[in-house]
């Protein structure tokens, strides 16, 4: 995982990526596959699940189909109740990366529950890292660019809008009809 030293993904890992059709999700799928992990993903429609499969996910599920899964790592850009449900999916010594809260703010996990399950919650906030650890962000960005140059990963841009039409970009995102990243161009 590029911006955290606390989580390692290996070929023995099973990784669950929420919102696997989004920009963060499709990137996480590609990075986990590059590390050799088995990758599971979630998405909210048949079209988005097909997109996550094309991005490299081994198996794709609707959000209501995950409660029996057991994984080593959850990549969660959704937050809300899905974050809380995902904690129960972790294998011992598993971790969940809290990256975003598109589905609502997180409910604080019980420390007792985390200790009892030997689980970790790792927050990832790139803006704060850029302010306080710019060298770390620089080094990881160089690594990601090298993977892109080698064609090991291919960031997915699903839609572009001129900056002057940012309102339409936001409307697309809020409608939950987009796949990949939505980019504003100057």
Protein backbone atom coordinates (compact mmCIF):
# COMPACT_ATOMS: atom_id res chain seq x y z
CA UNK A 1 0.00 0.00 0.00
CA UNK A 2 1.76 3.11 -1.20
CA UNK A 3 1.21 5.61 1.60
CA UNK A 4 1.37 3.46 4.70
CA UNK A 5 4.29 1.47 6.02
CA UNK A 6 2.03 -0.32 8.49
CA UNK A 7 0.35 -2.67 6.00
CA UNK A 8 2.06 -5.23 3.79
CA UNK A 9 0.32 -7.06 0.94
CA UNK A 10 1.86 -10.36 -0.15
CA UNK A 11 0.87 -13.18 -2.50
CA UNK A 12 -0.65 -14.91 0.55
CA UNK A 13 -2.95 -11.93 1.25
CA UNK A 14 -6.64 -11.65 0.51
CA UNK A 15 -7.62 -8.02 -0.03
CA UNK A 16 -11.16 -6.65 -0.14
CA UNK A 17 -11.52 -3.36 -2.01
CA UNK A 18 -14.73 -1.44 -1.48
CA UNK A 19 -16.05 0.72 -4.32
CA UNK A 20 -13.91 -1.27 -6.73
CA UNK A 21 -15.21 0.67 -9.73
CA UNK A 22 -14.12 4.06 -8.43
CA UNK A 23 -10.80 5.79 -8.92
CA UNK A 24 -9.36 4.77 -5.54
CA UNK A 25 -10.90 1.31 -5.75
CA UNK A 26 -9.64 0.49 -9.23
CA UNK A 27 -6.15 1.71 -8.28
CA UNK A 28 -6.20 -0.40 -5.10
CA UNK A 29 -7.26 -3.47 -7.11
CA UNK A 30 -4.37 -2.99 -9.52
CA UNK A 31 -1.82 -2.45 -6.73
CA UNK A 32 -2.99 -5.49 -4.76
CA UNK A 33 -2.89 -7.65 -7.90
CA UNK A 34 0.60 -6.35 -8.65
CA UNK A 35 1.63 -7.53 -5.16
CA UNK A 36 0.22 -10.98 -6.01
CA UNK A 37 -2.75 -10.90 -3.62
CA UNK A 38 -6.15 -12.46 -4.16
CA UNK A 39 -8.42 -9.45 -4.69
CA UNK A 40 -12.10 -9.24 -3.86
CA UNK A 41 -14.09 -6.10 -4.61
CA UNK A 42 -17.48 -4.58 -3.97
CA UNK A 43 -19.56 -2.39 -6.24
CA UNK A 44 -23.15 -1.23 -6.28
CA UNK A 45 -24.41 -2.38 -9.69
CA UNK A 46 -23.87 -5.11 -12.25
CA UNK A 47 -22.11 -2.63 -14.55
CA UNK A 48 -19.79 -1.46 -11.80
CA UNK A 49 -19.05 -5.04 -10.71
CA UNK A 50 -18.12 -5.87 -14.33
CA UNK A 51 -15.83 -2.83 -14.35
CA UNK A 52 -14.11 -4.00 -11.12
CA UNK A 53 -13.54 -7.41 -12.72
CA UNK A 54 -11.95 -5.74 -15.74
CA UNK A 55 -9.76 -3.74 -13.34
CA UNK A 56 -8.40 -7.06 -12.06
CA UNK A 57 -10.58 -8.20 -9.16
CA UNK A 58 -10.73 -11.99 -8.82
CA UNK A 59 -14.25 -11.92 -7.36
CA UNK A 60 -16.76 -9.10 -7.08
CA UNK A 61 -19.72 -8.76 -4.71
CA UNK A 62 -22.64 -6.50 -3.99
CA UNK A 63 -22.43 -4.74 -0.64
CA UNK A 64 -25.09 -7.05 0.76
CA UNK A 65 -23.06 -10.18 -0.12
CA UNK A 66 -19.90 -9.70 1.96
CA UNK A 67 -20.79 -10.62 5.53
CA UNK A 68 -19.33 -14.14 5.32
CA UNK A 69 -16.00 -13.12 3.76
CA UNK A 70 -12.69 -13.38 5.66
CA UNK A 71 -9.86 -11.15 4.45
CA UNK A 72 -6.47 -9.86 5.54
CA UNK A 73 -6.95 -6.29 4.38
CA UNK A 74 -9.93 -4.07 3.60
CA UNK A 75 -9.39 -0.93 1.53
CA UNK A 76 -12.32 1.33 2.41
CA UNK A 77 -13.01 4.63 0.66
CA UNK A 78 -16.71 4.34 1.61
CA UNK A 79 -16.82 4.60 5.42
CA UNK A 80 -20.13 4.76 7.26
CA UNK A 81 -21.81 1.51 8.24
CA UNK A 82 -19.77 -0.40 5.64
CA UNK A 83 -16.61 0.39 7.61
CA UNK A 84 -18.15 -1.05 10.77
CA UNK A 85 -19.40 -4.17 8.96
CA UNK A 86 -15.98 -4.65 7.39
CA UNK A 87 -14.19 -4.88 10.74
CA UNK A 88 -15.87 -8.24 11.34
CA UNK A 89 -14.44 -9.58 8.05
CA UNK A 90 -10.81 -9.28 9.15
CA UNK A 91 -8.68 -12.31 9.80
CA UNK A 92 -6.49 -12.20 12.93
CA UNK A 93 -3.79 -9.54 12.42
CA UNK A 94 -5.87 -8.07 9.60
CA UNK A 95 -6.21 -4.36 8.91
CA UNK A 96 -8.67 -1.95 7.41
CA UNK A 97 -7.46 1.16 5.59
CA UNK A 98 -9.87 4.01 6.24
CA UNK A 99 -9.33 6.16 3.16
CA UNK A 100 -12.59 8.03 2.73
CA UNK A 101 -16.15 8.44 3.85
CA UNK A 102 -18.24 8.73 0.68
CA UNK A 103 -20.93 6.65 2.44
CA UNK A 104 -20.89 8.67 5.66
CA UNK A 105 -18.63 9.32 8.61
CA UNK A 106 -17.09 6.39 10.44
CA UNK A 107 -18.44 5.02 13.67
CA UNK A 108 -15.59 4.74 16.16
CA UNK A 109 -14.56 1.10 16.49
CA UNK A 110 -14.38 -0.34 19.96
CA UNK A 111 -10.76 -0.71 21.02
CA UNK A 112 -11.82 -3.82 22.95
CA UNK A 113 -13.17 -5.31 19.74
CA UNK A 114 -9.95 -4.49 17.85
CA UNK A 115 -7.74 -5.95 20.59
CA UNK A 116 -9.90 -9.06 20.87
CA UNK A 117 -9.63 -9.69 17.13
CA UNK A 118 -5.97 -8.62 16.82
CA UNK A 119 -7.08 -6.15 14.13
CA UNK A 120 -5.83 -2.73 13.08
CA UNK A 121 -7.42 0.39 11.65
CA UNK A 122 -5.04 2.50 9.60
CA UNK A 123 -6.06 5.97 8.50
CA UNK A 124 -4.78 7.29 5.18
CA UNK A 125 -5.03 11.05 4.55
CA UNK A 126 -2.73 12.14 1.77
CA UNK A 127 -3.13 15.87 2.44
CA UNK A 128 -1.72 15.57 5.96
CA UNK A 129 1.13 13.34 4.77
CA UNK A 130 2.02 15.91 2.11
CA UNK A 131 2.28 18.59 4.82
CA UNK A 132 4.12 16.58 7.46
CA UNK A 133 6.03 13.88 5.53
CA UNK A 134 6.57 15.25 2.02
CA UNK A 135 9.59 12.98 1.50
CA UNK A 136 7.40 9.91 2.08
CA UNK A 137 4.82 11.11 -0.43
CA UNK A 138 7.56 11.95 -2.94
CA UNK A 139 9.18 8.51 -2.61
CA UNK A 140 5.86 6.64 -2.94
CA UNK A 141 4.82 8.82 -5.90
CA UNK A 142 8.08 7.93 -7.67
CA UNK A 143 7.35 4.24 -7.04
CA UNK A 144 3.82 4.57 -8.43
CA UNK A 145 5.03 6.47 -11.50
CA UNK A 146 7.58 3.71 -12.15
CA UNK A 147 4.81 1.09 -11.98
CA UNK A 148 2.76 3.18 -14.40
CA UNK A 149 5.75 3.53 -16.77
CA UNK A 150 6.19 -0.27 -16.66
CA UNK A 151 2.45 -0.64 -17.40
CA UNK A 152 2.05 -2.64 -14.19
CA UNK A 153 -0.78 -0.27 -13.25
CA UNK A 154 -2.97 1.95 -15.39
CA UNK A 155 -4.98 4.63 -13.57
CA UNK A 156 -8.52 4.73 -14.89
CA UNK A 157 -9.98 8.10 -15.87
CA UNK A 158 -13.67 7.58 -16.37
CA UNK A 159 -14.68 11.15 -17.19
CA UNK A 160 -13.09 14.55 -17.74
CA UNK A 161 -14.66 17.97 -17.43
CA UNK A 162 -13.34 21.47 -17.98
CA UNK A 163 -12.70 23.23 -14.67
CA UNK A 164 -15.45 25.70 -15.51
CA UNK A 165 -17.90 22.78 -15.51
CA UNK A 166 -16.98 21.45 -12.05
CA UNK A 167 -20.67 21.45 -11.16
CA UNK A 168 -21.35 18.73 -13.76
CA UNK A 169 -18.40 16.67 -12.46
CA UNK A 170 -19.80 16.85 -8.94
CA UNK A 171 -23.26 15.94 -10.20
CA UNK A 172 -21.85 12.84 -11.90
CA UNK A 173 -20.06 11.76 -8.74
CA UNK A 174 -23.09 12.43 -6.54
CA UNK A 175 -25.28 10.40 -8.89
CA UNK A 176 -22.95 7.43 -8.32
CA UNK A 177 -22.93 6.68 -12.07
CA UNK A 178 -19.21 7.23 -12.67
CA UNK A 179 -16.41 4.69 -12.88
CA UNK A 180 -12.72 5.46 -12.40
CA UNK A 181 -11.53 8.93 -11.53
CA UNK A 182 -13.44 12.05 -12.51
CA UNK A 183 -10.88 14.66 -13.59
CA UNK A 184 -11.18 18.42 -13.90
CA UNK A 185 -8.99 19.96 -16.60
CA UNK A 186 -7.84 23.61 -16.51
